[in-house]
ModelCIF file with pLDDT and N, C-alpha, C, O atoms, coordinates in Angstrom:
data_MODEL
#
_entry.id   MODEL 
#
_entity.id                         1 
_entity.type                       polymer 
_entity.pdbx_number_of_molecules   1 
#
_entity_poly.entity_id                      1 
_entity_poly.type                           'polypeptide(L)' 
_entity_poly.nstd_linkage                   no 
_entity_poly.nstd_monomer                   no 
_entity_poly.pdbx_seq_one_letter_code       ILKYREIDINKLVDLPYDAVSYLLILGDLPGDPELAEYSACLHGE 
_entity_poly.pdbx_seq_one_letter_code_can   ILKYREIDINKLVDLPYDAVSYLLILGDLPGDPELAEYSACLHGE 
_entity_poly.pdbx_strand_id                 A 
#
loop_
_entity_poly_seq.entity_id 
_entity_poly_seq.num 
_entity_poly_seq.mon_id 
_entity_poly_seq.hetero 
1 1  ILE n 
1 2  LEU n 
1 3  LYS n 
1 4  TYR n 
1 5  ARG n 
1 6  GLU n 
1 7  ILE n 
1 8  ASP n 
1 9  ILE n 
1 10 ASN n 
1 11 LYS n 
1 12 LEU n 
1 13 VAL n 
1 14 ASP n 
1 15 LEU n 
1 16 PRO n 
1 17 TYR n 
1 18 ASP n 
1 19 ALA n 
1 20 VAL n 
1 21 SER n 
1 22 TYR n 
1 23 LEU n 
1 24 LEU n 
1 25 ILE n 
1 26 LEU n 
1 27 GLY n 
1 28 ASP n 
1 29 LEU n 
1 30 PRO n 
1 31 GLY n 
1 32 ASP n 
1 33 PRO n 
1 34 GLU n 
1 35 LEU n 
1 36 ALA n 
1 37 GLU n 
1 38 TYR n 
1 39 SER n 
1 40 ALA n 
1 41 CYS n 
1 42 LEU n 
1 43 HIS n 
1 44 GLY n 
1 45 GLU n 
#
_struct_asym.id          A 
_struct_asym.entity_id   1 
#
loop_
_ma_qa_metric.id 
_ma_qa_metric.mode 
_ma_qa_metric.name 
_ma_qa_metric.software_group_id 
_ma_qa_metric.type 
1 global pLDDT . pLDDT 
2 local  pLDDT . pLDDT 
#
_ma_qa_metric_global.metric_id      1 
_ma_qa_metric_global.metric_value   97.49 
_ma_qa_metric_global.model_id       1 
_ma_qa_metric_global.ordinal_id     1 
#
loop_
_ma_qa_metric_local.label_asym_id 
_ma_qa_metric_local.label_comp_id 
_ma_qa_metric_local.label_seq_id 
_ma_qa_metric_local.metric_id 
_ma_qa_metric_local.metric_value 
_ma_qa_metric_local.model_id 
_ma_qa_metric_local.ordinal_id 
A ILE 1  2 96.00 1 1  
A LEU 2  2 97.00 1 2  
A LYS 3  2 97.00 1 3  
A TYR 4  2 98.00 1 4  
A ARG 5  2 97.00 1 5  
A GLU 6  2 96.00 1 6  
A ILE 7  2 97.00 1 7  
A ASP 8  2 98.00 1 8  
A ILE 9  2 98.00 1 9  
A ASN 10 2 97.00 1 10 
A LYS 11 2 98.00 1 11 
A LEU 12 2 98.00 1 12 
A VAL 13 2 98.00 1 13 
A ASP 14 2 97.00 1 14 
A LEU 15 2 98.00 1 15 
A PRO 16 2 98.00 1 16 
A TYR 17 2 98.00 1 17 
A ASP 18 2 98.00 1 18 
A ALA 19 2 98.00 1 19 
A VAL 20 2 98.00 1 20 
A SER 21 2 98.00 1 21 
A TYR 22 2 98.00 1 22 
A LEU 23 2 98.00 1 23 
A LEU 24 2 98.00 1 24 
A ILE 25 2 97.00 1 25 
A LEU 26 2 96.00 1 26 
A GLY 27 2 95.00 1 27 
A ASP 28 2 96.00 1 28 
A LEU 29 2 97.00 1 29 
A PRO 30 2 98.00 1 30 
A GLY 31 2 98.00 1 31 
A ASP 32 2 97.00 1 32 
A PRO 33 2 98.00 1 33 
A GLU 34 2 98.00 1 34 
A LEU 35 2 98.00 1 35 
A ALA 36 2 98.00 1 36 
A GLU 37 2 98.00 1 37 
A TYR 38 2 98.00 1 38 
A SER 39 2 98.00 1 39 
A ALA 40 2 98.00 1 40 
A CYS 41 2 97.00 1 41 
A LEU 42 2 98.00 1 42 
A HIS 43 2 97.00 1 43 
A GLY 44 2 97.00 1 44 
A GLU 45 2 98.00 1 45 
#
loop_
_atom_site.group_PDB 
_atom_site.id 
_atom_site.type_symbol 
_atom_site.label_atom_id 
_atom_site.label_alt_id 
_atom_site.label_comp_id 
_atom_site.label_asym_id 
_atom_site.label_entity_id 
_atom_site.label_seq_id 
_atom_site.pdbx_PDB_ins_code 
_atom_site.Cartn_x 
_atom_site.Cartn_y 
_atom_site.Cartn_z 
_atom_site.occupancy 
_atom_site.B_iso_or_equiv 
_atom_site.pdbx_formal_charge 
_atom_site.auth_seq_id 
_atom_site.auth_comp_id 
_atom_site.auth_asym_id 
_atom_site.auth_atom_id 
_atom_site.pdbx_PDB_model_num 
ATOM 1   N N  . ILE A 1 1  ? -20.275 -63.283 8.644  1.00 96.00 ? 1  ILE A N  1 
ATOM 2   C CA . ILE A 1 1  ? -21.019 -64.012 10.206 1.00 96.00 ? 1  ILE A CA 1 
ATOM 3   C C  . ILE A 1 1  ? -19.669 -64.274 11.056 1.00 96.00 ? 1  ILE A C  1 
ATOM 4   O O  . ILE A 1 1  ? -18.738 -65.029 10.779 1.00 96.00 ? 1  ILE A O  1 
ATOM 5   N N  . LEU A 1 2  ? -19.862 -63.303 12.335 1.00 97.00 ? 2  LEU A N  1 
ATOM 6   C CA . LEU A 1 2  ? -18.899 -63.673 13.103 1.00 97.00 ? 2  LEU A CA 1 
ATOM 7   C C  . LEU A 1 2  ? -19.505 -63.631 14.584 1.00 97.00 ? 2  LEU A C  1 
ATOM 8   O O  . LEU A 1 2  ? -20.014 -62.641 15.109 1.00 97.00 ? 2  LEU A O  1 
ATOM 9   N N  . LYS A 1 3  ? -19.318 -65.176 15.278 1.00 97.00 ? 3  LYS A N  1 
ATOM 10  C CA . LYS A 1 3  ? -19.663 -65.330 16.659 1.00 97.00 ? 3  LYS A CA 1 
ATOM 11  C C  . LYS A 1 3  ? -18.590 -65.533 17.420 1.00 97.00 ? 3  LYS A C  1 
ATOM 12  O O  . LYS A 1 3  ? -17.442 -65.818 17.081 1.00 97.00 ? 3  LYS A O  1 
ATOM 13  N N  . TYR A 1 4  ? -19.145 -65.331 18.692 1.00 98.00 ? 4  TYR A N  1 
ATOM 14  C CA . TYR A 1 4  ? -17.854 -65.842 19.938 1.00 98.00 ? 4  TYR A CA 1 
ATOM 15  C C  . TYR A 1 4  ? -18.509 -66.812 20.842 1.00 98.00 ? 4  TYR A C  1 
ATOM 16  O O  . TYR A 1 4  ? -19.198 -66.567 21.832 1.00 98.00 ? 4  TYR A O  1 
ATOM 17  N N  . ARG A 1 5  ? -18.243 -67.730 20.434 1.00 97.00 ? 5  ARG A N  1 
ATOM 18  C CA . ARG A 1 5  ? -19.415 -69.315 21.605 1.00 97.00 ? 5  ARG A CA 1 
ATOM 19  C C  . ARG A 1 5  ? -20.474 -69.357 21.240 1.00 97.00 ? 5  ARG A C  1 
ATOM 20  O O  . ARG A 1 5  ? -21.393 -69.520 22.042 1.00 97.00 ? 5  ARG A O  1 
ATOM 21  N N  . GLU A 1 6  ? -20.752 -69.187 19.531 1.00 96.00 ? 6  GLU A N  1 
ATOM 22  C CA . GLU A 1 6  ? -22.108 -69.456 18.778 1.00 96.00 ? 6  GLU A CA 1 
ATOM 23  C C  . GLU A 1 6  ? -22.801 -68.276 19.423 1.00 96.00 ? 6  GLU A C  1 
ATOM 24  O O  . GLU A 1 6  ? -23.930 -68.638 19.756 1.00 96.00 ? 6  GLU A O  1 
ATOM 25  N N  . ILE A 1 7  ? -22.619 -67.237 19.677 1.00 97.00 ? 7  ILE A N  1 
ATOM 26  C CA . ILE A 1 7  ? -23.229 -66.546 19.858 1.00 97.00 ? 7  ILE A CA 1 
ATOM 27  C C  . ILE A 1 7  ? -23.006 -64.770 19.023 1.00 97.00 ? 7  ILE A C  1 
ATOM 28  O O  . ILE A 1 7  ? -22.323 -63.783 19.296 1.00 97.00 ? 7  ILE A O  1 
ATOM 29  N N  . ASP A 1 8  ? -23.770 -65.037 18.189 1.00 98.00 ? 8  ASP A N  1 
ATOM 30  C CA . ASP A 1 8  ? -23.474 -63.465 16.771 1.00 98.00 ? 8  ASP A CA 1 
ATOM 31  C C  . ASP A 1 8  ? -22.670 -62.200 17.835 1.00 98.00 ? 8  ASP A C  1 
ATOM 32  O O  . ASP A 1 8  ? -22.633 -61.995 19.049 1.00 98.00 ? 8  ASP A O  1 
ATOM 33  N N  . ILE A 1 9  ? -22.041 -61.483 16.506 1.00 98.00 ? 9  ILE A N  1 
ATOM 34  C CA . ILE A 1 9  ? -21.302 -60.352 17.490 1.00 98.00 ? 9  ILE A CA 1 
ATOM 35  C C  . ILE A 1 9  ? -22.624 -59.253 17.436 1.00 98.00 ? 9  ILE A C  1 
ATOM 36  O O  . ILE A 1 9  ? -22.755 -58.561 18.445 1.00 98.00 ? 9  ILE A O  1 
ATOM 37  N N  . ASN A 1 10 ? -23.288 -59.117 16.686 1.00 97.00 ? 10 ASN A N  1 
ATOM 38  C CA . ASN A 1 10 ? -24.500 -58.021 16.922 1.00 97.00 ? 10 ASN A CA 1 
ATOM 39  C C  . ASN A 1 10 ? -25.374 -58.302 18.044 1.00 97.00 ? 10 ASN A C  1 
ATOM 40  O O  . ASN A 1 10 ? -26.236 -57.423 18.062 1.00 97.00 ? 10 ASN A O  1 
ATOM 41  N N  . LYS A 1 11 ? -25.548 -59.171 19.034 1.00 98.00 ? 11 LYS A N  1 
ATOM 42  C CA . LYS A 1 11 ? -26.149 -60.092 19.732 1.00 98.00 ? 11 LYS A CA 1 
ATOM 43  C C  . LYS A 1 11 ? -24.960 -59.043 21.034 1.00 98.00 ? 11 LYS A C  1 
ATOM 44  O O  . LYS A 1 11 ? -25.263 -58.057 21.705 1.00 98.00 ? 11 LYS A O  1 
ATOM 45  N N  . LEU A 1 12 ? -23.569 -59.830 20.945 1.00 98.00 ? 12 LEU A N  1 
ATOM 46  C CA . LEU A 1 12 ? -22.621 -59.365 21.648 1.00 98.00 ? 12 LEU A CA 1 
ATOM 47  C C  . LEU A 1 12 ? -22.498 -58.183 22.202 1.00 98.00 ? 12 LEU A C  1 
ATOM 48  O O  . LEU A 1 12 ? -22.481 -58.007 23.420 1.00 98.00 ? 12 LEU A O  1 
ATOM 49  N N  . VAL A 1 13 ? -22.376 -57.050 21.115 1.00 98.00 ? 13 VAL A N  1 
ATOM 50  C CA . VAL A 1 13 ? -21.795 -55.899 21.089 1.00 98.00 ? 13 VAL A CA 1 
ATOM 51  C C  . VAL A 1 13 ? -22.769 -55.001 21.980 1.00 98.00 ? 13 VAL A C  1 
ATOM 52  O O  . VAL A 1 13 ? -22.083 -54.108 22.478 1.00 98.00 ? 13 VAL A O  1 
ATOM 53  N N  . ASP A 1 14 ? -23.917 -54.906 22.320 1.00 97.00 ? 14 ASP A N  1 
ATOM 54  C CA . ASP A 1 14 ? -24.636 -54.966 23.338 1.00 97.00 ? 14 ASP A CA 1 
ATOM 55  C C  . ASP A 1 14 ? -24.357 -54.860 24.935 1.00 97.00 ? 14 ASP A C  1 
ATOM 56  O O  . ASP A 1 14 ? -24.890 -54.108 25.752 1.00 97.00 ? 14 ASP A O  1 
ATOM 57  N N  . LEU A 1 15 ? -23.365 -55.837 25.122 1.00 98.00 ? 15 LEU A N  1 
ATOM 58  C CA . LEU A 1 15 ? -22.991 -56.315 26.621 1.00 98.00 ? 15 LEU A CA 1 
ATOM 59  C C  . LEU A 1 15 ? -21.769 -55.799 26.956 1.00 98.00 ? 15 LEU A C  1 
ATOM 60  O O  . LEU A 1 15 ? -20.776 -55.500 26.293 1.00 98.00 ? 15 LEU A O  1 
ATOM 61  N N  . PRO A 1 16 ? -22.045 -55.753 28.133 1.00 98.00 ? 16 PRO A N  1 
ATOM 62  C CA . PRO A 1 16 ? -20.524 -54.963 29.189 1.00 98.00 ? 16 PRO A CA 1 
ATOM 63  C C  . PRO A 1 16 ? -19.321 -55.470 28.334 1.00 98.00 ? 16 PRO A C  1 
ATOM 64  O O  . PRO A 1 16 ? -19.666 -56.320 27.514 1.00 98.00 ? 16 PRO A O  1 
ATOM 65  N N  . TYR A 1 17 ? -18.403 -55.254 28.327 1.00 98.00 ? 17 TYR A N  1 
ATOM 66  C CA . TYR A 1 17 ? -17.322 -56.137 28.042 1.00 98.00 ? 17 TYR A CA 1 
ATOM 67  C C  . TYR A 1 17 ? -16.821 -57.312 28.995 1.00 98.00 ? 17 TYR A C  1 
ATOM 68  O O  . TYR A 1 17 ? -16.399 -58.419 28.659 1.00 98.00 ? 17 TYR A O  1 
ATOM 69  N N  . ASP A 1 18 ? -16.971 -56.800 30.229 1.00 98.00 ? 18 ASP A N  1 
ATOM 70  C CA . ASP A 1 18 ? -16.944 -58.101 31.273 1.00 98.00 ? 18 ASP A CA 1 
ATOM 71  C C  . ASP A 1 18 ? -17.312 -59.117 30.927 1.00 98.00 ? 18 ASP A C  1 
ATOM 72  O O  . ASP A 1 18 ? -16.401 -59.936 30.812 1.00 98.00 ? 18 ASP A O  1 
ATOM 73  N N  . ALA A 1 19 ? -18.810 -59.662 30.566 1.00 98.00 ? 19 ALA A N  1 
ATOM 74  C CA . ALA A 1 19 ? -19.593 -60.195 30.144 1.00 98.00 ? 19 ALA A CA 1 
ATOM 75  C C  . ALA A 1 19 ? -18.954 -61.081 29.042 1.00 98.00 ? 19 ALA A C  1 
ATOM 76  O O  . ALA A 1 19 ? -18.746 -62.292 28.965 1.00 98.00 ? 19 ALA A O  1 
ATOM 77  N N  . VAL A 1 20 ? -18.701 -59.948 28.150 1.00 98.00 ? 20 VAL A N  1 
ATOM 78  C CA . VAL A 1 20 ? -17.875 -60.979 26.680 1.00 98.00 ? 20 VAL A CA 1 
ATOM 79  C C  . VAL A 1 20 ? -16.335 -61.779 26.457 1.00 98.00 ? 20 VAL A C  1 
ATOM 80  O O  . VAL A 1 20 ? -15.769 -62.495 25.630 1.00 98.00 ? 20 VAL A O  1 
ATOM 81  N N  . SER A 1 21 ? -16.005 -60.923 28.227 1.00 98.00 ? 21 SER A N  1 
ATOM 82  C CA . SER A 1 21 ? -14.867 -61.601 28.842 1.00 98.00 ? 21 SER A CA 1 
ATOM 83  C C  . SER A 1 21 ? -14.833 -62.594 29.247 1.00 98.00 ? 21 SER A C  1 
ATOM 84  O O  . SER A 1 21 ? -13.918 -63.401 29.084 1.00 98.00 ? 21 SER A O  1 
ATOM 85  N N  . TYR A 1 22 ? -15.933 -62.766 29.931 1.00 98.00 ? 22 TYR A N  1 
ATOM 86  C CA . TYR A 1 22 ? -16.600 -63.785 30.814 1.00 98.00 ? 22 TYR A CA 1 
ATOM 87  C C  . TYR A 1 22 ? -16.786 -65.189 29.598 1.00 98.00 ? 22 TYR A C  1 
ATOM 88  O O  . TYR A 1 22 ? -16.386 -66.351 29.534 1.00 98.00 ? 22 TYR A O  1 
ATOM 89  N N  . LEU A 1 23 ? -17.562 -64.340 28.817 1.00 98.00 ? 23 LEU A N  1 
ATOM 90  C CA . LEU A 1 23 ? -17.863 -65.861 28.146 1.00 98.00 ? 23 LEU A CA 1 
ATOM 91  C C  . LEU A 1 23 ? -16.885 -66.589 27.514 1.00 98.00 ? 23 LEU A C  1 
ATOM 92  O O  . LEU A 1 23 ? -16.572 -67.758 27.738 1.00 98.00 ? 23 LEU A O  1 
ATOM 93  N N  . LEU A 1 24 ? -16.175 -65.422 26.283 1.00 98.00 ? 24 LEU A N  1 
ATOM 94  C CA . LEU A 1 24 ? -15.017 -66.079 26.068 1.00 98.00 ? 24 LEU A CA 1 
ATOM 95  C C  . LEU A 1 24 ? -13.948 -66.555 27.026 1.00 98.00 ? 24 LEU A C  1 
ATOM 96  O O  . LEU A 1 24 ? -13.008 -66.674 26.240 1.00 98.00 ? 24 LEU A O  1 
ATOM 97  N N  . ILE A 1 25 ? -13.386 -66.973 28.444 1.00 97.00 ? 25 ILE A N  1 
ATOM 98  C CA . ILE A 1 25 ? -12.416 -66.849 28.562 1.00 97.00 ? 25 ILE A CA 1 
ATOM 99  C C  . ILE A 1 25 ? -12.850 -68.549 29.297 1.00 97.00 ? 25 ILE A C  1 
ATOM 100 O O  . ILE A 1 25 ? -12.218 -69.594 29.452 1.00 97.00 ? 25 ILE A O  1 
ATOM 101 N N  . LEU A 1 26 ? -14.680 -67.958 29.698 1.00 96.00 ? 26 LEU A N  1 
ATOM 102 C CA . LEU A 1 26 ? -15.031 -69.646 30.576 1.00 96.00 ? 26 LEU A CA 1 
ATOM 103 C C  . LEU A 1 26 ? -16.311 -70.474 30.057 1.00 96.00 ? 26 LEU A C  1 
ATOM 104 O O  . LEU A 1 26 ? -16.918 -71.334 30.695 1.00 96.00 ? 26 LEU A O  1 
ATOM 105 N N  . GLY A 1 27 ? -16.620 -69.953 28.569 1.00 95.00 ? 27 GLY A N  1 
ATOM 106 C CA . GLY A 1 27 ? -17.184 -70.685 27.969 1.00 95.00 ? 27 GLY A CA 1 
ATOM 107 C C  . GLY A 1 27 ? -18.826 -70.373 27.851 1.00 95.00 ? 27 GLY A C  1 
ATOM 108 O O  . GLY A 1 27 ? -19.542 -70.800 26.945 1.00 95.00 ? 27 GLY A O  1 
ATOM 109 N N  . ASP A 1 28 ? -19.297 -69.464 29.059 1.00 96.00 ? 28 ASP A N  1 
ATOM 110 C CA . ASP A 1 28 ? -20.984 -69.546 28.723 1.00 96.00 ? 28 ASP A CA 1 
ATOM 111 C C  . ASP A 1 28 ? -20.936 -67.632 29.160 1.00 96.00 ? 28 ASP A C  1 
ATOM 112 O O  . ASP A 1 28 ? -20.071 -67.026 29.792 1.00 96.00 ? 28 ASP A O  1 
ATOM 113 N N  . LEU A 1 29 ? -22.339 -67.059 28.466 1.00 97.00 ? 29 LEU A N  1 
ATOM 114 C CA . LEU A 1 29 ? -22.481 -65.954 29.086 1.00 97.00 ? 29 LEU A CA 1 
ATOM 115 C C  . LEU A 1 29 ? -22.725 -66.189 30.684 1.00 97.00 ? 29 LEU A C  1 
ATOM 116 O O  . LEU A 1 29 ? -23.414 -67.100 31.141 1.00 97.00 ? 29 LEU A O  1 
ATOM 117 N N  . PRO A 1 30 ? -22.111 -65.311 31.364 1.00 98.00 ? 30 PRO A N  1 
ATOM 118 C CA . PRO A 1 30 ? -22.541 -65.116 32.882 1.00 98.00 ? 30 PRO A CA 1 
ATOM 119 C C  . PRO A 1 30 ? -24.098 -64.893 33.352 1.00 98.00 ? 30 PRO A C  1 
ATOM 120 O O  . PRO A 1 30 ? -24.790 -64.146 32.660 1.00 98.00 ? 30 PRO A O  1 
ATOM 121 N N  . GLY A 1 31 ? -24.556 -65.398 34.283 1.00 98.00 ? 31 GLY A N  1 
ATOM 122 C CA . GLY A 1 31 ? -25.957 -64.600 35.264 1.00 98.00 ? 31 GLY A CA 1 
ATOM 123 C C  . GLY A 1 31 ? -25.312 -63.424 36.104 1.00 98.00 ? 31 GLY A C  1 
ATOM 124 O O  . GLY A 1 31 ? -24.142 -63.273 36.457 1.00 98.00 ? 31 GLY A O  1 
ATOM 125 N N  . ASP A 1 32 ? -26.590 -62.523 36.347 1.00 97.00 ? 32 ASP A N  1 
ATOM 126 C CA . ASP A 1 32 ? -25.970 -61.581 37.006 1.00 97.00 ? 32 ASP A CA 1 
ATOM 127 C C  . ASP A 1 32 ? -25.205 -61.785 38.140 1.00 97.00 ? 32 ASP A C  1 
ATOM 128 O O  . ASP A 1 32 ? -24.510 -60.806 38.412 1.00 97.00 ? 32 ASP A O  1 
ATOM 129 N N  . PRO A 1 33 ? -25.092 -62.765 38.928 1.00 98.00 ? 33 PRO A N  1 
ATOM 130 C CA . PRO A 1 33 ? -24.564 -62.792 40.469 1.00 98.00 ? 33 PRO A CA 1 
ATOM 131 C C  . PRO A 1 33 ? -23.262 -63.418 39.442 1.00 98.00 ? 33 PRO A C  1 
ATOM 132 O O  . PRO A 1 33 ? -24.228 -63.349 38.681 1.00 98.00 ? 33 PRO A O  1 
ATOM 133 N N  . GLU A 1 34 ? -22.509 -63.753 38.954 1.00 98.00 ? 34 GLU A N  1 
ATOM 134 C CA . GLU A 1 34 ? -21.816 -64.544 38.001 1.00 98.00 ? 34 GLU A CA 1 
ATOM 135 C C  . GLU A 1 34 ? -21.018 -63.295 37.592 1.00 98.00 ? 34 GLU A C  1 
ATOM 136 O O  . GLU A 1 34 ? -19.828 -63.237 37.904 1.00 98.00 ? 34 GLU A O  1 
ATOM 137 N N  . LEU A 1 35 ? -21.715 -62.091 36.779 1.00 98.00 ? 35 LEU A N  1 
ATOM 138 C CA . LEU A 1 35 ? -21.210 -61.157 36.219 1.00 98.00 ? 35 LEU A CA 1 
ATOM 139 C C  . LEU A 1 35 ? -21.046 -60.177 37.438 1.00 98.00 ? 35 LEU A C  1 
ATOM 140 O O  . LEU A 1 35 ? -19.947 -59.633 37.342 1.00 98.00 ? 35 LEU A O  1 
ATOM 141 N N  . ALA A 1 36 ? -21.681 -59.785 38.465 1.00 98.00 ? 36 ALA A N  1 
ATOM 142 C CA . ALA A 1 36 ? -21.167 -59.132 39.595 1.00 98.00 ? 36 ALA A CA 1 
ATOM 143 C C  . ALA A 1 36 ? -19.889 -59.436 40.477 1.00 98.00 ? 36 ALA A C  1 
ATOM 144 O O  . ALA A 1 36 ? -19.215 -58.832 41.312 1.00 98.00 ? 36 ALA A O  1 
ATOM 145 N N  . GLU A 1 37 ? -19.899 -61.062 39.682 1.00 98.00 ? 37 GLU A N  1 
ATOM 146 C CA . GLU A 1 37 ? -18.141 -61.339 40.587 1.00 98.00 ? 37 GLU A CA 1 
ATOM 147 C C  . GLU A 1 37 ? -17.296 -61.122 39.960 1.00 98.00 ? 37 GLU A C  1 
ATOM 148 O O  . GLU A 1 37 ? -16.436 -60.401 40.464 1.00 98.00 ? 37 GLU A O  1 
ATOM 149 N N  . TYR A 1 38 ? -17.150 -61.452 39.015 1.00 98.00 ? 38 TYR A N  1 
ATOM 150 C CA . TYR A 1 38 ? -16.654 -61.798 37.786 1.00 98.00 ? 38 TYR A CA 1 
ATOM 151 C C  . TYR A 1 38 ? -16.124 -59.718 37.400 1.00 98.00 ? 38 TYR A C  1 
ATOM 152 O O  . TYR A 1 38 ? -15.203 -59.504 36.612 1.00 98.00 ? 38 TYR A O  1 
ATOM 153 N N  . SER A 1 39 ? -16.487 -59.133 37.735 1.00 98.00 ? 39 SER A N  1 
ATOM 154 C CA . SER A 1 39 ? -16.719 -57.275 37.216 1.00 98.00 ? 39 SER A CA 1 
ATOM 155 C C  . SER A 1 39 ? -15.983 -57.163 38.409 1.00 98.00 ? 39 SER A C  1 
ATOM 156 O O  . SER A 1 39 ? -15.096 -56.310 38.394 1.00 98.00 ? 39 SER A O  1 
ATOM 157 N N  . ALA A 1 40 ? -16.155 -57.899 39.568 1.00 98.00 ? 40 ALA A N  1 
ATOM 158 C CA . ALA A 1 40 ? -15.478 -56.939 40.751 1.00 98.00 ? 40 ALA A CA 1 
ATOM 159 C C  . ALA A 1 40 ? -14.518 -57.602 41.406 1.00 98.00 ? 40 ALA A C  1 
ATOM 160 O O  . ALA A 1 40 ? -14.154 -57.315 42.547 1.00 98.00 ? 40 ALA A O  1 
ATOM 161 N N  . CYS A 1 41 ? -13.900 -58.846 40.472 1.00 97.00 ? 41 CYS A N  1 
ATOM 162 C CA . CYS A 1 41 ? -12.368 -59.044 40.600 1.00 97.00 ? 41 CYS A CA 1 
ATOM 163 C C  . CYS A 1 41 ? -11.418 -58.731 39.277 1.00 97.00 ? 41 CYS A C  1 
ATOM 164 O O  . CYS A 1 41 ? -10.249 -58.976 38.980 1.00 97.00 ? 41 CYS A O  1 
ATOM 165 N N  . LEU A 1 42 ? -12.576 -58.033 38.614 1.00 98.00 ? 42 LEU A N  1 
ATOM 166 C CA . LEU A 1 42 ? -11.836 -56.963 37.488 1.00 98.00 ? 42 LEU A CA 1 
ATOM 167 C C  . LEU A 1 42 ? -11.186 -55.760 37.661 1.00 98.00 ? 42 LEU A C  1 
ATOM 168 O O  . LEU A 1 42 ? -10.138 -55.233 37.289 1.00 98.00 ? 42 LEU A O  1 
ATOM 169 N N  . HIS A 1 43 ? -12.301 -55.448 38.457 1.00 97.00 ? 43 HIS A N  1 
ATOM 170 C CA . HIS A 1 43 ? -12.461 -53.992 38.850 1.00 97.00 ? 43 HIS A CA 1 
ATOM 171 C C  . HIS A 1 43 ? -11.081 -53.778 39.990 1.00 97.00 ? 43 HIS A C  1 
ATOM 172 O O  . HIS A 1 43 ? -10.289 -52.839 40.084 1.00 97.00 ? 43 HIS A O  1 
ATOM 173 N N  . GLY A 1 44 ? -11.191 -55.122 40.809 1.00 97.00 ? 44 GLY A N  1 
ATOM 174 C CA . GLY A 1 44 ? -10.223 -55.187 42.038 1.00 97.00 ? 44 GLY A CA 1 
ATOM 175 C C  . GLY A 1 44 ? -8.570  -54.785 41.731 1.00 97.00 ? 44 GLY A C  1 
ATOM 176 O O  . GLY A 1 44 ? -7.747  -54.158 42.399 1.00 97.00 ? 44 GLY A O  1 
ATOM 177 N N  . GLU A 1 45 ? -8.501  -55.461 40.386 1.00 98.00 ? 45 GLU A N  1 
ATOM 178 C CA . GLU A 1 45 ? -7.243  -55.952 39.834 1.00 98.00 ? 45 GLU A CA 1 
ATOM 179 C C  . GLU A 1 45 ? -6.876  -54.550 39.303 1.00 98.00 ? 45 GLU A C  1 
ATOM 180 O O  . GLU A 1 45 ? -5.817  -54.377 38.698 1.00 98.00 ? 45 GLU A O  1 
#
């Protein structure tokens, strides 16, 4: 068993990498607005 922030890897693997990155760094999965903002920051850098 492998979990990031208490969420099983088999669930996380179907998400965008940006969402998993957000989860690891900020502690929770982002909602749609948070993910959109985070992705925009990543893509812009």
